[in-house]
Structure formats: structure tokens, C-alpha cells
Amino acid sequence: MAIEVQLPSQLRPFVGGAAKVSVEATSVGGLIEALATQHAGLRDRLLEPSGELRRFVRIFVNEEDIRFLQDEKTALKAGDTVAIVPAIAGG
């Protein structure tokens, strides 16, 4: 099923400048893999060399942080919206 993914401006150059893309996935992990496969350069921006999600990348499914759901195992269904957001720190 196609899932809509909202991308921050920092990642848009890797998807031809689009603010949103659609990928086929049934879980967040599958979505990340599909994005990394379809769009060169995204893997390095989203994942550590070990395959773990980078600590400064936050992913939300229907506005809920996946860290409070089932992380990459979070299931996706038709109509879900996924947002990839860079973590912001400051003081």
C-alpha cells in the first residue's frame, strides 16, 4: 500500500525537490528501506552504518513519534501519513 511521506527541506534534494513522496510499505522499517532504495543518498542521511536510525532523525506516523510506538516495527496502513523530521537542539 502507498504511504505518503513528508520530507524536511534538508532531504528534498535527494527526491528531486519534492516535499512529499509516496512509497509502498507496511512498516516504518520497510518505508525507510524503500526510501533508501528508491532515492540515492537517503540511506546515509537516515541510517547509521550499523543500520540503526540516526539519533537526530525523528519519524512520526500520524503525528505520533515512533519512539513511543514500536520504532521501526510500527505498522502502517493505507491513509497513514509519515513525517521525517530532523531533531533540533539548542539553548
N, C-alpha and C. Protein backbone atom coordinates (compact mmCIF):
# COMPACT_ATOMS: atom_id res chain seq x y z
N MET A 1 0.83 -1.18 0.00
CA MET A 1 0.00 0.00 0.00
C MET A 1 0.87 1.24 0.00
N ALA A 2 0.41 2.28 -0.65
CA ALA A 2 1.18 3.52 -0.76
C ALA A 2 1.01 4.36 0.50
N ILE A 3 2.13 4.81 1.03
CA ILE A 3 2.16 5.67 2.21
C ILE A 3 2.78 7.00 1.81
N GLU A 4 2.15 8.09 2.21
CA GLU A 4 2.68 9.42 1.93
C GLU A 4 3.72 9.79 2.98
N VAL A 5 4.88 10.25 2.51
CA VAL A 5 5.98 10.62 3.39
C VAL A 5 6.28 12.10 3.20
N GLN A 6 6.23 12.86 4.29
CA GLN A 6 6.57 14.28 4.26
C GLN A 6 8.05 14.42 4.62
N LEU A 7 8.76 15.18 3.80
CA LEU A 7 10.21 15.30 3.97
C LEU A 7 10.61 16.73 4.34
N PRO A 8 11.62 16.87 5.21
CA PRO A 8 12.13 18.20 5.54
C PRO A 8 12.95 18.74 4.37
N SER A 9 13.16 20.02 4.36
CA SER A 9 13.88 20.65 3.24
C SER A 9 15.28 20.08 3.05
N GLN A 10 15.92 19.61 4.12
CA GLN A 10 17.27 19.06 4.01
C GLN A 10 17.32 17.77 3.18
N LEU A 11 16.21 17.03 3.10
CA LEU A 11 16.20 15.77 2.36
C LEU A 11 15.60 15.90 0.96
N ARG A 12 14.98 17.01 0.69
CA ARG A 12 14.30 17.17 -0.60
C ARG A 12 15.21 17.09 -1.82
N PRO A 13 16.47 17.54 -1.74
CA PRO A 13 17.33 17.39 -2.92
C PRO A 13 17.52 15.95 -3.36
N PHE A 14 17.34 15.00 -2.45
CA PHE A 14 17.53 13.59 -2.78
C PHE A 14 16.30 12.97 -3.45
N VAL A 15 15.19 13.71 -3.45
CA VAL A 15 13.95 13.21 -4.06
C VAL A 15 13.45 14.17 -5.14
N GLY A 16 14.37 14.88 -5.76
CA GLY A 16 14.01 15.78 -6.85
C GLY A 16 13.31 17.04 -6.39
N GLY A 17 13.48 17.41 -5.12
CA GLY A 17 12.91 18.65 -4.61
C GLY A 17 11.50 18.52 -4.05
N ALA A 18 10.94 17.32 -4.08
CA ALA A 18 9.56 17.14 -3.62
C ALA A 18 9.45 17.24 -2.10
N ALA A 19 8.37 17.85 -1.62
CA ALA A 19 8.09 17.94 -0.19
C ALA A 19 7.45 16.65 0.32
N LYS A 20 6.83 15.89 -0.60
CA LYS A 20 6.18 14.64 -0.24
C LYS A 20 6.48 13.60 -1.32
N VAL A 21 6.63 12.37 -0.89
CA VAL A 21 6.77 11.25 -1.81
C VAL A 21 5.85 10.13 -1.32
N SER A 22 5.60 9.19 -2.19
CA SER A 22 4.75 8.06 -1.85
C SER A 22 5.57 6.79 -2.03
N VAL A 23 5.53 5.90 -1.03
CA VAL A 23 6.24 4.63 -1.12
C VAL A 23 5.33 3.50 -0.65
N GLU A 24 5.63 2.31 -1.13
CA GLU A 24 4.90 1.12 -0.73
C GLU A 24 5.58 0.53 0.50
N ALA A 25 4.85 0.40 1.61
CA ALA A 25 5.42 -0.17 2.82
C ALA A 25 4.32 -0.56 3.79
N THR A 26 4.60 -1.56 4.62
CA THR A 26 3.64 -1.98 5.64
C THR A 26 4.16 -1.70 7.05
N SER A 27 5.42 -1.23 7.14
CA SER A 27 6.00 -0.87 8.43
C SER A 27 6.95 0.31 8.23
N VAL A 28 7.31 0.96 9.31
CA VAL A 28 8.25 2.08 9.22
C VAL A 28 9.60 1.59 8.71
N GLY A 29 10.05 0.43 9.17
CA GLY A 29 11.31 -0.12 8.69
C GLY A 29 11.28 -0.37 7.19
N GLY A 30 10.17 -0.90 6.69
CA GLY A 30 10.01 -1.12 5.26
C GLY A 30 9.98 0.19 4.49
N LEU A 31 9.38 1.19 5.09
CA LEU A 31 9.31 2.51 4.47
C LEU A 31 10.71 3.12 4.35
N ILE A 32 11.49 3.01 5.41
CA ILE A 32 12.86 3.54 5.38
C ILE A 32 13.67 2.82 4.31
N GLU A 33 13.54 1.50 4.25
CA GLU A 33 14.27 0.72 3.24
C GLU A 33 13.84 1.10 1.83
N ALA A 34 12.53 1.28 1.63
CA ALA A 34 12.03 1.66 0.31
C ALA A 34 12.56 3.04 -0.09
N LEU A 35 12.55 3.98 0.83
CA LEU A 35 13.08 5.32 0.54
C LEU A 35 14.56 5.24 0.18
N ALA A 36 15.32 4.48 0.98
CA ALA A 36 16.76 4.37 0.76
C ALA A 36 17.08 3.69 -0.57
N THR A 37 16.25 2.75 -0.98
CA THR A 37 16.45 2.04 -2.24
C THR A 37 16.07 2.91 -3.44
N GLN A 38 14.98 3.63 -3.33
CA GLN A 38 14.46 4.42 -4.45
C GLN A 38 15.17 5.75 -4.64
N HIS A 39 15.78 6.28 -3.59
CA HIS A 39 16.37 7.62 -3.66
C HIS A 39 17.80 7.59 -3.14
N ALA A 40 18.74 7.59 -4.07
CA ALA A 40 20.16 7.53 -3.73
C ALA A 40 20.53 8.65 -2.76
N GLY A 41 21.30 8.30 -1.75
CA GLY A 41 21.78 9.29 -0.79
C GLY A 41 20.96 9.35 0.48
N LEU A 42 19.72 8.90 0.44
CA LEU A 42 18.89 8.97 1.66
C LEU A 42 19.36 8.00 2.74
N ARG A 43 19.85 6.85 2.35
CA ARG A 43 20.28 5.86 3.35
C ARG A 43 21.29 6.49 4.32
N ASP A 44 22.29 7.18 3.79
CA ASP A 44 23.32 7.78 4.64
C ASP A 44 22.76 8.89 5.52
N ARG A 45 21.72 9.54 5.08
CA ARG A 45 21.12 10.62 5.86
C ARG A 45 20.19 10.11 6.95
N LEU A 46 19.60 8.94 6.73
CA LEU A 46 18.62 8.40 7.68
C LEU A 46 19.20 7.35 8.62
N LEU A 47 20.16 6.56 8.14
CA LEU A 47 20.64 5.41 8.90
C LEU A 47 22.13 5.50 9.22
N GLU A 48 22.48 4.99 10.39
CA GLU A 48 23.88 4.82 10.77
C GLU A 48 24.45 3.68 9.92
N PRO A 49 25.78 3.56 9.82
CA PRO A 49 26.36 2.43 9.09
C PRO A 49 25.89 1.07 9.62
N SER A 50 25.52 1.02 10.89
CA SER A 50 25.04 -0.23 11.51
C SER A 50 23.61 -0.57 11.10
N GLY A 51 22.93 0.38 10.42
CA GLY A 51 21.55 0.17 10.01
C GLY A 51 20.53 0.76 10.96
N GLU A 52 20.98 1.28 12.10
CA GLU A 52 20.09 1.93 13.07
C GLU A 52 19.69 3.31 12.56
N LEU A 53 18.50 3.76 12.92
CA LEU A 53 18.07 5.10 12.58
C LEU A 53 18.98 6.11 13.28
N ARG A 54 19.43 7.11 12.56
CA ARG A 54 20.30 8.13 13.17
C ARG A 54 19.56 8.80 14.32
N ARG A 55 20.29 9.12 15.39
CA ARG A 55 19.65 9.66 16.59
C ARG A 55 19.05 11.04 16.40
N PHE A 56 19.48 11.78 15.40
CA PHE A 56 18.93 13.10 15.18
C PHE A 56 17.76 13.10 14.19
N VAL A 57 17.35 11.93 13.75
CA VAL A 57 16.21 11.81 12.84
C VAL A 57 15.00 11.33 13.63
N ARG A 58 13.91 12.06 13.53
CA ARG A 58 12.66 11.66 14.18
C ARG A 58 11.65 11.32 13.10
N ILE A 59 10.90 10.25 13.34
CA ILE A 59 9.86 9.83 12.40
C ILE A 59 8.54 9.78 13.14
N PHE A 60 7.53 10.38 12.52
CA PHE A 60 6.20 10.44 13.10
C PHE A 60 5.21 9.75 12.17
N VAL A 61 4.34 8.93 12.74
CA VAL A 61 3.26 8.30 11.99
C VAL A 61 1.97 8.92 12.51
N ASN A 62 1.27 9.62 11.64
CA ASN A 62 0.04 10.31 12.05
C ASN A 62 0.28 11.17 13.29
N GLU A 63 1.39 11.88 13.28
CA GLU A 63 1.79 12.83 14.33
C GLU A 63 2.23 12.19 15.64
N GLU A 64 2.45 10.87 15.65
CA GLU A 64 2.94 10.19 16.84
C GLU A 64 4.37 9.72 16.59
N ASP A 65 5.27 10.07 17.51
CA ASP A 65 6.67 9.70 17.41
C ASP A 65 6.80 8.17 17.50
N ILE A 66 7.51 7.58 16.54
CA ILE A 66 7.62 6.12 16.53
C ILE A 66 8.37 5.59 17.76
N ARG A 67 9.14 6.45 18.42
CA ARG A 67 9.84 6.01 19.64
C ARG A 67 8.85 5.62 20.73
N PHE A 68 7.64 6.15 20.66
CA PHE A 68 6.62 5.84 21.65
C PHE A 68 5.61 4.83 21.12
N LEU A 69 5.87 4.33 19.92
CA LEU A 69 5.05 3.27 19.32
C LEU A 69 5.91 2.01 19.32
N GLN A 70 6.23 1.49 18.17
CA GLN A 70 7.08 0.30 18.08
C GLN A 70 8.31 0.55 17.23
N ASP A 71 8.83 1.77 17.27
CA ASP A 71 10.01 2.15 16.49
C ASP A 71 9.84 1.72 15.03
N GLU A 72 10.86 1.09 14.45
CA GLU A 72 10.81 0.70 13.04
C GLU A 72 9.79 -0.40 12.77
N LYS A 73 9.34 -1.08 13.80
CA LYS A 73 8.34 -2.14 13.63
C LYS A 73 6.91 -1.59 13.60
N THR A 74 6.76 -0.28 13.77
CA THR A 74 5.44 0.33 13.74
C THR A 74 4.75 0.01 12.42
N ALA A 75 3.56 -0.57 12.51
CA ALA A 75 2.79 -0.95 11.32
C ALA A 75 2.20 0.28 10.64
N LEU A 76 2.11 0.21 9.32
CA LEU A 76 1.50 1.27 8.53
C LEU A 76 0.28 0.72 7.80
N LYS A 77 -0.69 1.59 7.58
CA LYS A 77 -1.89 1.19 6.83
C LYS A 77 -2.23 2.28 5.83
N ALA A 78 -3.06 1.95 4.88
CA ALA A 78 -3.48 2.91 3.86
C ALA A 78 -4.02 4.17 4.53
N GLY A 79 -3.60 5.31 4.03
CA GLY A 79 -4.07 6.58 4.57
C GLY A 79 -3.17 7.17 5.63
N ASP A 80 -2.19 6.40 6.13
CA ASP A 80 -1.26 6.94 7.12
C ASP A 80 -0.36 7.99 6.48
N THR A 81 0.03 8.94 7.30
CA THR A 81 0.99 9.95 6.87
C THR A 81 2.23 9.82 7.76
N VAL A 82 3.38 9.76 7.13
CA VAL A 82 4.64 9.67 7.84
C VAL A 82 5.42 10.95 7.62
N ALA A 83 5.95 11.52 8.69
CA ALA A 83 6.76 12.72 8.58
C ALA A 83 8.16 12.42 9.12
N ILE A 84 9.16 12.78 8.35
CA ILE A 84 10.54 12.66 8.79
C ILE A 84 10.98 14.06 9.19
N VAL A 85 11.45 14.18 10.44
CA VAL A 85 11.76 15.49 11.00
C VAL A 85 13.15 15.45 11.62
N PRO A 86 14.03 16.39 11.29
CA PRO A 86 15.32 16.42 11.97
C PRO A 86 15.15 16.90 13.40
N ALA A 87 15.82 16.25 14.35
CA ALA A 87 15.77 16.70 15.73
C ALA A 87 16.49 18.04 15.83
N ILE A 88 15.95 18.91 16.67
CA ILE A 88 16.51 20.25 16.82
C ILE A 88 16.99 20.41 18.26
N ALA A 89 18.19 20.88 18.41
CA ALA A 89 18.74 21.13 19.74
C ALA A 89 19.17 22.59 19.81
N GLY A 90 19.20 23.09 20.96
CA GLY A 90 19.65 24.47 21.11
C GLY A 90 19.50 24.93 22.55
N GLY A 91 19.81 26.15 22.74
CA GLY A 91 19.74 26.61 24.14
C GLY A 91 19.53 28.08 24.21
